[in-house]
Amino acid sequence: MKHPENIQEVAALEPDYMGFIFYEKTPRFFNAEIPKISDSIKKTGVFVKAEIAEILAKVNEYKLDAIQLHGGESAEFCSELKTVLKETNIEIIKVFSVKSEFDFDQLSAFEDHIDYFLFDTKGKHKGGNGETFDWTLLKEYPSEKPFFLSGGIGLEQLEDLKKFYAYLTKIGKEHLLYAVDVNSAFETEPGLKNTEKLKQFVDELM
């Protein structure tokens, strides 16, 4: 999210999370004031290769509820951040980019230091590439850590999402798909969301 009025419009749809990107090399970079929104919406700061001091400064400035790490941060970095945040309820979401293959073994080092994984599509940019990856790769997911599914998800992916969730339910793993992260497929320009399309997505998915 980027524009205050649009933030309030999207907040009216009552999403569980709302993301604000604190990475200057993107047109979605957020440097405004977050208007008053429901306390039930978790304000999420998205960071790319940021220092812990910078993350903490944004946490304090914007009263963030969650942190999404999108810059190839190490397990050691996540451990240090978790230690710094141990007296808070702030969630740590670690992003991994996926294309046509993925080494799931790398996840184990992060398990104790984060709250959720997020799987996004590997592309030219750190995020917002507007492309989906092959979700069947997640059939090999070895962890019990719940994850966010991201990467170019829009109205066209609704049926595939339902089928994917049905598959997880069939194998007793429906609890692993914790959230669906949507972004570029609902934008009229970077950071500006089409609320009508978002409402349609939520209504049809539910």
N, C-alpha and C. Protein backbone atom coordinates (compact mmCIF):
# COMPACT_ATOMS: atom_id res chain seq x y z
N MET A 1 0.83 -1.18 0.00
CA MET A 1 0.00 0.00 0.00
C MET A 1 0.88 1.24 0.00
N LYS A 2 0.31 2.34 -0.56
CA LYS A 2 1.12 3.55 -0.70
C LYS A 2 0.33 4.83 -0.46
N HIS A 3 -0.90 4.89 -0.96
CA HIS A 3 -1.68 6.13 -0.95
C HIS A 3 -2.70 6.11 0.21
N PRO A 4 -2.69 7.13 1.07
CA PRO A 4 -3.55 7.14 2.27
C PRO A 4 -5.02 6.86 2.00
N GLU A 5 -5.60 7.50 1.01
CA GLU A 5 -7.03 7.28 0.73
C GLU A 5 -7.29 5.85 0.30
N ASN A 6 -6.40 5.32 -0.54
CA ASN A 6 -6.53 3.94 -1.00
C ASN A 6 -6.33 2.95 0.15
N ILE A 7 -5.45 3.29 1.08
CA ILE A 7 -5.24 2.46 2.27
C ILE A 7 -6.54 2.31 3.04
N GLN A 8 -7.26 3.41 3.22
CA GLN A 8 -8.52 3.35 3.95
C GLN A 8 -9.58 2.57 3.19
N GLU A 9 -9.58 2.69 1.86
CA GLU A 9 -10.54 1.94 1.04
C GLU A 9 -10.29 0.44 1.17
N VAL A 10 -9.03 0.04 1.09
CA VAL A 10 -8.70 -1.38 1.20
C VAL A 10 -8.94 -1.87 2.63
N ALA A 11 -8.64 -1.04 3.61
CA ALA A 11 -8.85 -1.42 5.01
C ALA A 11 -10.32 -1.73 5.28
N ALA A 12 -11.22 -1.07 4.55
CA ALA A 12 -12.65 -1.32 4.73
C ALA A 12 -13.03 -2.75 4.33
N LEU A 13 -12.19 -3.41 3.55
CA LEU A 13 -12.43 -4.81 3.16
C LEU A 13 -11.97 -5.78 4.25
N GLU A 14 -11.37 -5.24 5.29
CA GLU A 14 -10.93 -6.00 6.46
C GLU A 14 -9.93 -7.12 6.13
N PRO A 15 -8.83 -6.78 5.46
CA PRO A 15 -7.78 -7.80 5.26
C PRO A 15 -7.11 -8.11 6.58
N ASP A 16 -6.47 -9.25 6.68
CA ASP A 16 -5.77 -9.62 7.91
C ASP A 16 -4.44 -8.87 8.03
N TYR A 17 -3.80 -8.62 6.88
CA TYR A 17 -2.52 -7.93 6.85
C TYR A 17 -2.56 -6.83 5.79
N MET A 18 -1.73 -5.82 5.97
CA MET A 18 -1.58 -4.77 4.97
C MET A 18 -0.10 -4.41 4.91
N GLY A 19 0.47 -4.46 3.71
CA GLY A 19 1.90 -4.29 3.57
C GLY A 19 2.33 -2.89 3.17
N PHE A 20 3.47 -2.47 3.74
CA PHE A 20 4.08 -1.18 3.43
C PHE A 20 5.56 -1.43 3.13
N ILE A 21 5.97 -1.08 1.93
CA ILE A 21 7.31 -1.42 1.47
C ILE A 21 8.31 -0.31 1.80
N PHE A 22 9.29 -0.64 2.63
CA PHE A 22 10.32 0.31 3.02
C PHE A 22 11.63 0.00 2.28
N TYR A 23 11.52 -0.01 0.98
CA TYR A 23 12.67 -0.29 0.10
C TYR A 23 12.65 0.76 -1.00
N GLU A 24 13.62 1.63 -0.99
CA GLU A 24 13.57 2.83 -1.84
C GLU A 24 13.65 2.53 -3.33
N LYS A 25 14.18 1.37 -3.71
CA LYS A 25 14.36 1.08 -5.13
C LYS A 25 13.13 0.41 -5.74
N THR A 26 11.97 0.84 -5.33
CA THR A 26 10.73 0.34 -5.91
C THR A 26 9.72 1.47 -5.99
N PRO A 27 8.88 1.49 -7.03
CA PRO A 27 7.84 2.53 -7.11
C PRO A 27 6.78 2.39 -6.03
N ARG A 28 6.79 1.28 -5.30
CA ARG A 28 5.82 1.08 -4.21
C ARG A 28 6.39 1.56 -2.87
N PHE A 29 7.56 2.18 -2.89
CA PHE A 29 8.20 2.65 -1.65
C PHE A 29 7.25 3.54 -0.86
N PHE A 30 7.13 3.24 0.44
CA PHE A 30 6.19 3.97 1.30
C PHE A 30 6.95 4.92 2.22
N ASN A 31 6.59 6.19 2.17
CA ASN A 31 7.21 7.18 3.07
C ASN A 31 6.20 8.22 3.53
N ALA A 32 4.94 7.78 3.63
CA ALA A 32 3.87 8.68 4.06
C ALA A 32 3.43 8.30 5.47
N GLU A 33 2.32 8.85 5.87
CA GLU A 33 1.74 8.51 7.17
C GLU A 33 0.62 7.52 6.97
N ILE A 34 0.59 6.48 7.79
CA ILE A 34 -0.48 5.50 7.70
C ILE A 34 -1.72 6.07 8.38
N PRO A 35 -2.82 6.18 7.65
CA PRO A 35 -4.04 6.70 8.27
C PRO A 35 -4.59 5.70 9.29
N LYS A 36 -5.53 6.12 10.09
CA LYS A 36 -6.13 5.26 11.10
C LYS A 36 -6.87 4.10 10.42
N ILE A 37 -6.47 2.87 10.78
CA ILE A 37 -7.15 1.68 10.28
C ILE A 37 -7.45 0.77 11.47
N SER A 38 -8.25 -0.24 11.26
CA SER A 38 -8.64 -1.14 12.32
C SER A 38 -7.43 -1.80 12.96
N ASP A 39 -7.47 -1.96 14.27
CA ASP A 39 -6.40 -2.63 14.98
C ASP A 39 -6.31 -4.12 14.62
N SER A 40 -7.36 -4.64 14.01
CA SER A 40 -7.35 -6.05 13.62
C SER A 40 -6.49 -6.31 12.39
N ILE A 41 -6.14 -5.25 11.67
CA ILE A 41 -5.30 -5.37 10.47
C ILE A 41 -3.84 -5.25 10.90
N LYS A 42 -3.06 -6.24 10.60
CA LYS A 42 -1.65 -6.23 10.98
C LYS A 42 -0.83 -5.42 9.97
N LYS A 43 -0.32 -4.31 10.44
CA LYS A 43 0.52 -3.46 9.59
C LYS A 43 1.88 -4.15 9.42
N THR A 44 2.21 -4.42 8.17
CA THR A 44 3.40 -5.23 7.87
C THR A 44 4.43 -4.41 7.11
N GLY A 45 5.62 -4.32 7.66
CA GLY A 45 6.71 -3.63 6.99
C GLY A 45 7.50 -4.60 6.14
N VAL A 46 7.69 -4.26 4.87
CA VAL A 46 8.44 -5.11 3.94
C VAL A 46 9.84 -4.52 3.77
N PHE A 47 10.86 -5.34 4.04
CA PHE A 47 12.23 -4.86 4.03
C PHE A 47 13.10 -5.71 3.11
N VAL A 48 14.06 -5.05 2.47
CA VAL A 48 15.01 -5.72 1.58
C VAL A 48 16.42 -5.34 2.01
N LYS A 49 17.14 -6.28 2.57
CA LYS A 49 18.54 -6.06 2.98
C LYS A 49 18.69 -4.86 3.91
N ALA A 50 17.75 -4.70 4.80
CA ALA A 50 17.80 -3.59 5.75
C ALA A 50 18.55 -4.00 7.00
N GLU A 51 19.20 -3.04 7.64
CA GLU A 51 19.85 -3.30 8.92
C GLU A 51 18.79 -3.39 10.02
N ILE A 52 19.12 -4.10 11.08
CA ILE A 52 18.16 -4.28 12.17
C ILE A 52 17.76 -2.93 12.77
N ALA A 53 18.70 -2.02 12.87
CA ALA A 53 18.38 -0.69 13.42
C ALA A 53 17.34 0.02 12.57
N GLU A 54 17.44 -0.13 11.26
CA GLU A 54 16.45 0.49 10.36
C GLU A 54 15.08 -0.14 10.54
N ILE A 55 15.06 -1.47 10.66
CA ILE A 55 13.80 -2.17 10.86
C ILE A 55 13.14 -1.72 12.16
N LEU A 56 13.91 -1.64 13.22
CA LEU A 56 13.37 -1.23 14.51
C LEU A 56 12.85 0.20 14.47
N ALA A 57 13.54 1.06 13.72
CA ALA A 57 13.08 2.44 13.60
C ALA A 57 11.71 2.51 12.94
N LYS A 58 11.51 1.69 11.90
CA LYS A 58 10.21 1.67 11.21
C LYS A 58 9.14 1.02 12.09
N VAL A 59 9.53 0.00 12.84
CA VAL A 59 8.59 -0.64 13.76
C VAL A 59 8.05 0.38 14.75
N ASN A 60 8.94 1.19 15.28
CA ASN A 60 8.54 2.20 16.27
C ASN A 60 7.76 3.35 15.64
N GLU A 61 8.19 3.77 14.46
CA GLU A 61 7.53 4.90 13.80
C GLU A 61 6.11 4.56 13.36
N TYR A 62 5.93 3.36 12.81
CA TYR A 62 4.64 2.99 12.23
C TYR A 62 3.86 1.99 13.07
N LYS A 63 4.40 1.62 14.22
CA LYS A 63 3.73 0.64 15.10
C LYS A 63 3.39 -0.63 14.32
N LEU A 64 4.41 -1.19 13.71
CA LEU A 64 4.23 -2.37 12.87
C LEU A 64 3.90 -3.60 13.70
N ASP A 65 3.10 -4.49 13.12
CA ASP A 65 2.71 -5.74 13.77
C ASP A 65 3.46 -6.94 13.18
N ALA A 66 4.02 -6.75 12.00
CA ALA A 66 4.73 -7.84 11.34
C ALA A 66 5.84 -7.28 10.47
N ILE A 67 6.84 -8.12 10.25
CA ILE A 67 7.99 -7.76 9.42
C ILE A 67 8.17 -8.82 8.36
N GLN A 68 8.23 -8.39 7.10
CA GLN A 68 8.45 -9.31 6.00
C GLN A 68 9.86 -9.07 5.46
N LEU A 69 10.69 -10.11 5.51
CA LEU A 69 12.09 -10.00 5.07
C LEU A 69 12.22 -10.56 3.67
N HIS A 70 12.57 -9.68 2.74
CA HIS A 70 12.50 -10.00 1.32
C HIS A 70 13.85 -9.88 0.63
N GLY A 71 14.94 -9.88 1.42
CA GLY A 71 16.24 -9.60 0.81
C GLY A 71 17.30 -10.65 0.95
N GLY A 72 16.93 -11.91 1.05
CA GLY A 72 17.93 -12.96 1.18
C GLY A 72 18.63 -12.97 2.52
N GLU A 73 17.94 -12.51 3.57
CA GLU A 73 18.52 -12.47 4.90
C GLU A 73 18.87 -13.88 5.39
N SER A 74 19.94 -13.97 6.18
CA SER A 74 20.40 -15.26 6.69
C SER A 74 19.58 -15.70 7.90
N ALA A 75 19.74 -16.97 8.25
CA ALA A 75 19.09 -17.48 9.46
C ALA A 75 19.64 -16.78 10.69
N GLU A 76 20.92 -16.44 10.66
CA GLU A 76 21.54 -15.74 11.77
C GLU A 76 20.92 -14.35 11.96
N PHE A 77 20.67 -13.68 10.85
CA PHE A 77 20.03 -12.36 10.90
C PHE A 77 18.64 -12.49 11.53
N CYS A 78 17.88 -13.50 11.08
CA CYS A 78 16.53 -13.71 11.61
C CYS A 78 16.57 -14.02 13.10
N SER A 79 17.57 -14.78 13.51
CA SER A 79 17.72 -15.11 14.92
C SER A 79 17.99 -13.86 15.75
N GLU A 80 18.87 -13.01 15.25
CA GLU A 80 19.19 -11.77 15.96
C GLU A 80 17.97 -10.87 16.05
N LEU A 81 17.22 -10.77 14.94
CA LEU A 81 16.03 -9.94 14.93
C LEU A 81 14.99 -10.47 15.90
N LYS A 82 14.80 -11.78 15.91
CA LYS A 82 13.83 -12.39 16.82
C LYS A 82 14.21 -12.11 18.27
N THR A 83 15.50 -12.17 18.57
CA THR A 83 15.97 -11.90 19.92
C THR A 83 15.67 -10.46 20.33
N VAL A 84 15.90 -9.54 19.40
CA VAL A 84 15.64 -8.13 19.67
C VAL A 84 14.15 -7.89 19.91
N LEU A 85 13.31 -8.66 19.23
CA LEU A 85 11.86 -8.47 19.31
C LEU A 85 11.18 -9.39 20.32
N LYS A 86 11.95 -10.09 21.14
CA LYS A 86 11.40 -11.15 21.98
C LYS A 86 10.34 -10.67 22.98
N GLU A 87 10.37 -9.39 23.33
CA GLU A 87 9.38 -8.88 24.28
C GLU A 87 8.13 -8.34 23.57
N THR A 88 8.05 -8.53 22.28
CA THR A 88 6.91 -8.04 21.50
C THR A 88 6.14 -9.20 20.88
N ASN A 89 5.02 -8.88 20.26
CA ASN A 89 4.24 -9.89 19.51
C ASN A 89 4.42 -9.72 18.01
N ILE A 90 5.48 -9.03 17.62
CA ILE A 90 5.70 -8.75 16.20
C ILE A 90 6.11 -10.03 15.47
N GLU A 91 5.42 -10.31 14.38
CA GLU A 91 5.68 -11.51 13.60
C GLU A 91 6.80 -11.28 12.59
N ILE A 92 7.55 -12.34 12.33
CA ILE A 92 8.61 -12.30 11.32
C ILE A 92 8.22 -13.25 10.20
N ILE A 93 8.15 -12.72 9.00
CA ILE A 93 7.78 -13.50 7.81
C ILE A 93 8.99 -13.53 6.88
N LYS A 94 9.51 -14.71 6.60
CA LYS A 94 10.70 -14.82 5.75
C LYS A 94 10.31 -15.27 4.36
N VAL A 95 10.72 -14.48 3.37
CA VAL A 95 10.36 -14.72 1.98
C VAL A 95 11.41 -15.58 1.28
N PHE A 96 10.93 -16.52 0.49
CA PHE A 96 11.79 -17.30 -0.39
C PHE A 96 11.20 -17.25 -1.80
N SER A 97 12.07 -17.04 -2.78
CA SER A 97 11.63 -16.93 -4.17
C SER A 97 11.73 -18.28 -4.86
N VAL A 98 10.69 -18.60 -5.62
CA VAL A 98 10.59 -19.92 -6.25
C VAL A 98 10.35 -19.75 -7.75
N LYS A 99 10.95 -20.59 -8.55
CA LYS A 99 10.68 -20.57 -9.99
C LYS A 99 10.25 -21.98 -10.40
N SER A 100 11.14 -22.70 -11.04
CA SER A 100 10.78 -24.03 -11.54
C SER A 100 11.30 -25.14 -10.62
N GLU A 101 12.12 -24.76 -9.61
CA GLU A 101 12.60 -25.74 -8.65
C GLU A 101 12.94 -25.01 -7.35
N PHE A 102 13.07 -25.77 -6.28
CA PHE A 102 13.36 -25.14 -4.99
C PHE A 102 13.97 -26.16 -4.05
N ASP A 103 15.00 -25.74 -3.32
CA ASP A 103 15.67 -26.60 -2.35
C ASP A 103 15.04 -26.37 -0.97
N PHE A 104 14.16 -27.25 -0.57
CA PHE A 104 13.46 -27.09 0.70
C PHE A 104 14.36 -27.31 1.91
N ASP A 105 15.51 -27.93 1.71
CA ASP A 105 16.42 -28.19 2.83
C ASP A 105 16.89 -26.89 3.50
N GLN A 106 16.92 -25.81 2.73
CA GLN A 106 17.41 -24.54 3.28
C GLN A 106 16.48 -23.94 4.33
N LEU A 107 15.26 -24.41 4.39
CA LEU A 107 14.28 -23.83 5.31
C LEU A 107 14.54 -24.18 6.77
N SER A 108 15.12 -25.34 7.02
CA SER A 108 15.25 -25.83 8.39
C SER A 108 16.03 -24.88 9.29
N ALA A 109 17.02 -24.19 8.73
CA ALA A 109 17.85 -23.28 9.54
C ALA A 109 17.06 -22.08 10.04
N PHE A 110 15.93 -21.79 9.40
CA PHE A 110 15.13 -20.61 9.74
C PHE A 110 13.97 -20.92 10.69
N GLU A 111 13.60 -22.17 10.79
CA GLU A 111 12.36 -22.55 11.46
C GLU A 111 12.18 -21.95 12.85
N ASP A 112 13.23 -21.95 13.65
CA ASP A 112 13.10 -21.49 15.03
C ASP A 112 13.14 -19.97 15.17
N HIS A 113 13.39 -19.28 14.08
CA HIS A 113 13.63 -17.84 14.17
C HIS A 113 12.57 -16.98 13.46
N ILE A 114 11.60 -17.63 12.85
CA ILE A 114 10.56 -16.88 12.13
C ILE A 114 9.19 -17.46 12.47
N ASP A 115 8.15 -16.71 12.13
CA ASP A 115 6.78 -17.17 12.40
C ASP A 115 6.14 -17.82 11.19
N TYR A 116 6.46 -17.31 10.01
CA TYR A 116 5.89 -17.84 8.78
C TYR A 116 6.91 -17.75 7.65
N PHE A 117 6.80 -18.68 6.71
CA PHE A 117 7.49 -18.55 5.44
C PHE A 117 6.54 -17.89 4.45
N LEU A 118 7.09 -17.26 3.43
CA LEU A 118 6.30 -16.74 2.33
C LEU A 118 6.99 -17.16 1.04
N PHE A 119 6.25 -17.81 0.16
CA PHE A 119 6.80 -18.25 -1.12
C PHE A 119 6.29 -17.35 -2.23
N ASP A 120 7.23 -16.68 -2.88
CA ASP A 120 6.93 -15.72 -3.95
C ASP A 120 7.58 -16.23 -5.23
N THR A 121 7.23 -15.61 -6.35
CA THR A 121 7.81 -15.99 -7.63
C THR A 121 9.16 -15.32 -7.84
N LYS A 122 10.14 -16.11 -8.19
CA LYS A 122 11.46 -15.57 -8.50
C LYS A 122 11.41 -14.86 -9.84
N GLY A 123 11.80 -13.58 -9.86
CA GLY A 123 11.74 -12.80 -11.09
C GLY A 123 12.76 -11.69 -11.09
N LYS A 124 12.57 -10.76 -12.00
CA LYS A 124 13.51 -9.65 -12.16
C LYS A 124 13.57 -8.78 -10.92
N HIS A 125 12.42 -8.57 -10.29
CA HIS A 125 12.34 -7.69 -9.13
C HIS A 125 12.23 -8.51 -7.84
N LYS A 126 12.41 -7.85 -6.70
CA LYS A 126 12.31 -8.52 -5.41
C LYS A 126 10.89 -8.99 -5.10
N GLY A 127 9.93 -8.37 -5.75
CA GLY A 127 8.53 -8.75 -5.59
C GLY A 127 7.71 -7.98 -6.60
N GLY A 128 6.42 -8.30 -6.70
CA GLY A 128 5.55 -7.58 -7.62
C GLY A 128 5.86 -7.86 -9.07
N ASN A 129 6.33 -9.07 -9.37
CA ASN A 129 6.64 -9.42 -10.75
C ASN A 129 5.41 -9.79 -11.57
N GLY A 130 4.30 -10.04 -10.88
CA GLY A 130 3.07 -10.34 -11.59
C GLY A 130 3.03 -11.73 -12.19
N GLU A 131 3.86 -12.65 -11.70
CA GLU A 131 3.90 -14.00 -12.24
C GLU A 131 3.71 -15.01 -11.12
N THR A 132 3.04 -16.11 -11.42
CA THR A 132 2.90 -17.19 -10.46
C THR A 132 4.01 -18.22 -10.70
N PHE A 133 4.29 -19.02 -9.66
CA PHE A 133 5.23 -20.12 -9.84
C PHE A 133 4.46 -21.43 -9.78
N ASP A 134 5.16 -22.51 -9.98
CA ASP A 134 4.53 -23.83 -10.02
C ASP A 134 4.22 -24.29 -8.59
N TRP A 135 2.98 -24.15 -8.19
CA TRP A 135 2.60 -24.48 -6.81
C TRP A 135 2.74 -25.96 -6.50
N THR A 136 2.79 -26.81 -7.52
CA THR A 136 2.93 -28.24 -7.25
C THR A 136 4.27 -28.54 -6.57
N LEU A 137 5.23 -27.62 -6.67
CA LEU A 137 6.49 -27.80 -5.96
C LEU A 137 6.27 -27.88 -4.46
N LEU A 138 5.23 -27.22 -3.96
CA LEU A 138 4.96 -27.20 -2.54
C LEU A 138 4.42 -28.53 -2.02
N LYS A 139 4.18 -29.46 -2.92
CA LYS A 139 3.82 -30.81 -2.48
C LYS A 139 4.99 -31.47 -1.75
N GLU A 140 6.20 -30.94 -2.00
CA GLU A 140 7.39 -31.46 -1.36
C GLU A 140 7.73 -30.70 -0.07
N TYR A 141 6.88 -29.75 0.31
CA TYR A 141 7.14 -28.93 1.50
C TYR A 141 7.26 -29.81 2.73
N PRO A 142 8.41 -29.80 3.41
CA PRO A 142 8.64 -30.75 4.49
C PRO A 142 8.29 -30.21 5.88
N SER A 143 7.95 -28.95 5.99
CA SER A 143 7.82 -28.30 7.28
C SER A 143 6.37 -28.28 7.78
N GLU A 144 6.22 -28.04 9.08
CA GLU A 144 4.91 -27.80 9.67
C GLU A 144 4.71 -26.31 9.94
N LYS A 145 5.65 -25.50 9.48
CA LYS A 145 5.54 -24.05 9.65
C LYS A 145 4.56 -23.51 8.60
N PRO A 146 3.46 -22.85 9.01
CA PRO A 146 2.51 -22.30 8.05
C PRO A 146 3.17 -21.28 7.12
N PHE A 147 2.62 -21.13 5.92
CA PHE A 147 3.21 -20.23 4.95
C PHE A 147 2.18 -19.34 4.25
N PHE A 148 2.69 -18.23 3.73
CA PHE A 148 1.93 -17.35 2.85
C PHE A 148 2.22 -17.79 1.42
N LEU A 149 1.20 -17.78 0.58
CA LEU A 149 1.37 -18.05 -0.84
C LEU A 149 1.28 -16.73 -1.58
N SER A 150 2.29 -16.41 -2.39
CA SER A 150 2.34 -15.13 -3.07
C SER A 150 2.81 -15.32 -4.51
N GLY A 151 2.85 -14.23 -5.25
CA GLY A 151 3.39 -14.27 -6.61
C GLY A 151 2.35 -14.19 -7.70
N GLY A 152 1.98 -12.97 -8.09
CA GLY A 152 1.11 -12.77 -9.26
C GLY A 152 -0.30 -13.31 -9.11
N ILE A 153 -0.78 -13.48 -7.89
CA ILE A 153 -2.10 -14.07 -7.67
C ILE A 153 -3.19 -13.03 -7.90
N GLY A 154 -4.13 -13.37 -8.78
CA GLY A 154 -5.23 -12.48 -9.10
C GLY A 154 -6.51 -13.26 -9.31
N LEU A 155 -7.50 -12.63 -9.92
CA LEU A 155 -8.78 -13.29 -10.14
C LEU A 155 -8.65 -14.54 -11.01
N GLU A 156 -7.68 -14.52 -11.93
CA GLU A 156 -7.49 -15.65 -12.83
C GLU A 156 -6.99 -16.89 -12.10
N GLN A 157 -6.46 -16.72 -10.90
CA GLN A 157 -5.92 -17.86 -10.15
C GLN A 157 -6.90 -18.42 -9.12
N LEU A 158 -8.11 -17.90 -9.07
CA LEU A 158 -9.07 -18.33 -8.06
C LEU A 158 -9.32 -19.84 -8.08
N GLU A 159 -9.58 -20.39 -9.25
CA GLU A 159 -9.87 -21.82 -9.33
C GLU A 159 -8.66 -22.66 -8.96
N ASP A 160 -7.47 -22.21 -9.39
CA ASP A 160 -6.24 -22.93 -9.03
C ASP A 160 -6.01 -22.88 -7.53
N LEU A 161 -6.33 -21.74 -6.92
CA LEU A 161 -6.18 -21.63 -5.46
C LEU A 161 -7.11 -22.61 -4.74
N LYS A 162 -8.33 -22.68 -5.20
CA LYS A 162 -9.29 -23.59 -4.58
C LYS A 162 -8.84 -25.04 -4.73
N LYS A 163 -8.29 -25.37 -5.90
CA LYS A 163 -7.81 -26.73 -6.13
C LYS A 163 -6.60 -27.04 -5.25
N PHE A 164 -5.72 -26.05 -5.09
CA PHE A 164 -4.53 -26.23 -4.26
C PHE A 164 -4.93 -26.44 -2.80
N TYR A 165 -5.88 -25.64 -2.33
CA TYR A 165 -6.35 -25.79 -0.95
C TYR A 165 -7.05 -27.14 -0.77
N ALA A 166 -7.79 -27.56 -1.79
CA ALA A 166 -8.47 -28.85 -1.72
C ALA A 166 -7.45 -29.98 -1.63
N TYR A 167 -6.34 -29.83 -2.36
CA TYR A 167 -5.28 -30.84 -2.29
C TYR A 167 -4.69 -30.88 -0.88
N LEU A 168 -4.38 -29.72 -0.31
CA LEU A 168 -3.83 -29.68 1.05
C LEU A 168 -4.80 -30.30 2.06
N THR A 169 -6.08 -30.02 1.87
CA THR A 169 -7.10 -30.58 2.75
C THR A 169 -7.13 -32.10 2.64
N LYS A 170 -7.01 -32.59 1.42
CA LYS A 170 -7.06 -34.04 1.18
C LYS A 170 -5.94 -34.76 1.91
N ILE A 171 -4.77 -34.13 2.00
CA ILE A 171 -3.64 -34.78 2.67
C ILE A 171 -3.50 -34.32 4.13
N GLY A 172 -4.51 -33.60 4.62
CA GLY A 172 -4.52 -33.18 6.02
C GLY A 172 -3.54 -32.07 6.33
N LYS A 173 -3.23 -31.23 5.34
CA LYS A 173 -2.24 -30.17 5.52
C LYS A 173 -2.83 -28.78 5.25
N GLU A 174 -4.14 -28.66 5.32
CA GLU A 174 -4.77 -27.38 4.99
C GLU A 174 -4.31 -26.26 5.91
N HIS A 175 -3.88 -26.60 7.12
CA HIS A 175 -3.42 -25.59 8.08
C HIS A 175 -2.13 -24.91 7.64
N LEU A 176 -1.42 -25.51 6.71
CA LEU A 176 -0.15 -24.93 6.27
C LEU A 176 -0.33 -23.68 5.43
N LEU A 177 -1.42 -23.62 4.64
CA LEU A 177 -1.68 -22.42 3.83
C LEU A 177 -2.32 -21.38 4.73
N TYR A 178 -1.48 -20.57 5.35
CA TYR A 178 -1.94 -19.62 6.35
C TYR A 178 -2.58 -18.39 5.73
N ALA A 179 -2.03 -17.92 4.60
CA ALA A 179 -2.54 -16.68 4.00
C ALA A 179 -2.20 -16.64 2.52
N VAL A 180 -2.99 -15.87 1.79
CA VAL A 180 -2.74 -15.59 0.38
C VAL A 180 -2.35 -14.13 0.26
N ASP A 181 -1.18 -13.88 -0.26
CA ASP A 181 -0.64 -12.52 -0.40
C ASP A 181 -0.89 -12.02 -1.82
N VAL A 182 -1.65 -10.94 -1.96
CA VAL A 182 -1.94 -10.40 -3.30
C VAL A 182 -1.38 -8.99 -3.42
N ASN A 183 -1.00 -8.64 -4.63
CA ASN A 183 -0.40 -7.32 -4.83
C ASN A 183 -0.60 -6.83 -6.26
N SER A 184 0.35 -7.11 -7.14
CA SER A 184 0.40 -6.46 -8.45
C SER A 184 -0.81 -6.75 -9.34
N ALA A 185 -1.41 -7.93 -9.19
CA ALA A 185 -2.56 -8.27 -10.05
C ALA A 185 -3.77 -7.41 -9.76
N PHE A 186 -3.76 -6.67 -8.66
CA PHE A 186 -4.89 -5.83 -8.29
C PHE A 186 -4.54 -4.34 -8.35
N GLU A 187 -3.45 -4.00 -8.99
CA GLU A 187 -3.01 -2.62 -9.04
C GLU A 187 -3.40 -1.92 -10.34
N THR A 188 -3.79 -0.66 -10.21
CA THR A 188 -3.98 0.19 -11.38
C THR A 188 -2.69 0.96 -11.68
N GLU A 189 -1.85 1.08 -10.67
CA GLU A 189 -0.49 1.60 -10.78
C GLU A 189 0.24 1.11 -9.54
N PRO A 190 1.58 1.14 -9.50
CA PRO A 190 2.28 0.61 -8.34
C PRO A 190 1.81 1.22 -7.02
N GLY A 191 1.35 0.37 -6.12
CA GLY A 191 0.91 0.82 -4.81
C GLY A 191 -0.53 1.26 -4.73
N LEU A 192 -1.24 1.31 -5.86
CA LEU A 192 -2.65 1.74 -5.88
C LEU A 192 -3.52 0.55 -6.24
N LYS A 193 -4.37 0.11 -5.29
CA LYS A 193 -5.15 -1.11 -5.48
C LYS A 193 -6.56 -0.82 -5.97
N ASN A 194 -7.05 -1.72 -6.82
CA ASN A 194 -8.42 -1.69 -7.32
C ASN A 194 -9.30 -2.42 -6.29
N THR A 195 -10.02 -1.66 -5.48
CA THR A 195 -10.78 -2.25 -4.39
C THR A 195 -11.94 -3.12 -4.87
N GLU A 196 -12.51 -2.79 -6.03
CA GLU A 196 -13.61 -3.60 -6.56
C GLU A 196 -13.12 -5.00 -6.91
N LYS A 197 -11.96 -5.07 -7.55
CA LYS A 197 -11.39 -6.38 -7.91
C LYS A 197 -10.98 -7.15 -6.65
N LEU A 198 -10.45 -6.43 -5.66
CA LEU A 198 -10.08 -7.09 -4.41
C LEU A 198 -11.30 -7.68 -3.71
N LYS A 199 -12.39 -6.91 -3.68
CA LYS A 199 -13.62 -7.40 -3.04
C LYS A 199 -14.15 -8.63 -3.77
N GLN A 200 -14.11 -8.59 -5.09
CA GLN A 200 -14.56 -9.73 -5.89
C GLN A 200 -13.72 -10.97 -5.56
N PHE A 201 -12.42 -10.76 -5.45
CA PHE A 201 -11.50 -11.87 -5.13
C PHE A 201 -11.84 -12.49 -3.78
N VAL A 202 -12.02 -11.64 -2.78
CA VAL A 202 -12.31 -12.12 -1.43
C VAL A 202 -13.67 -12.84 -1.41
N ASP A 203 -14.66 -12.24 -2.04
CA ASP A 203 -16.01 -12.84 -2.04
C ASP A 203 -16.01 -14.21 -2.71
N GLU A 204 -15.31 -14.32 -3.84
CA GLU A 204 -15.33 -15.59 -4.58
C GLU A 204 -14.43 -16.63 -3.93
N LEU A 205 -13.38 -16.19 -3.27
CA LEU A 205 -12.48 -17.15 -2.62
C LEU A 205 -13.12 -17.74 -1.38
N MET A 206 -13.86 -16.91 -0.65
CA MET A 206 -14.49 -17.37 0.58
C MET A 206 -15.74 -18.21 0.29
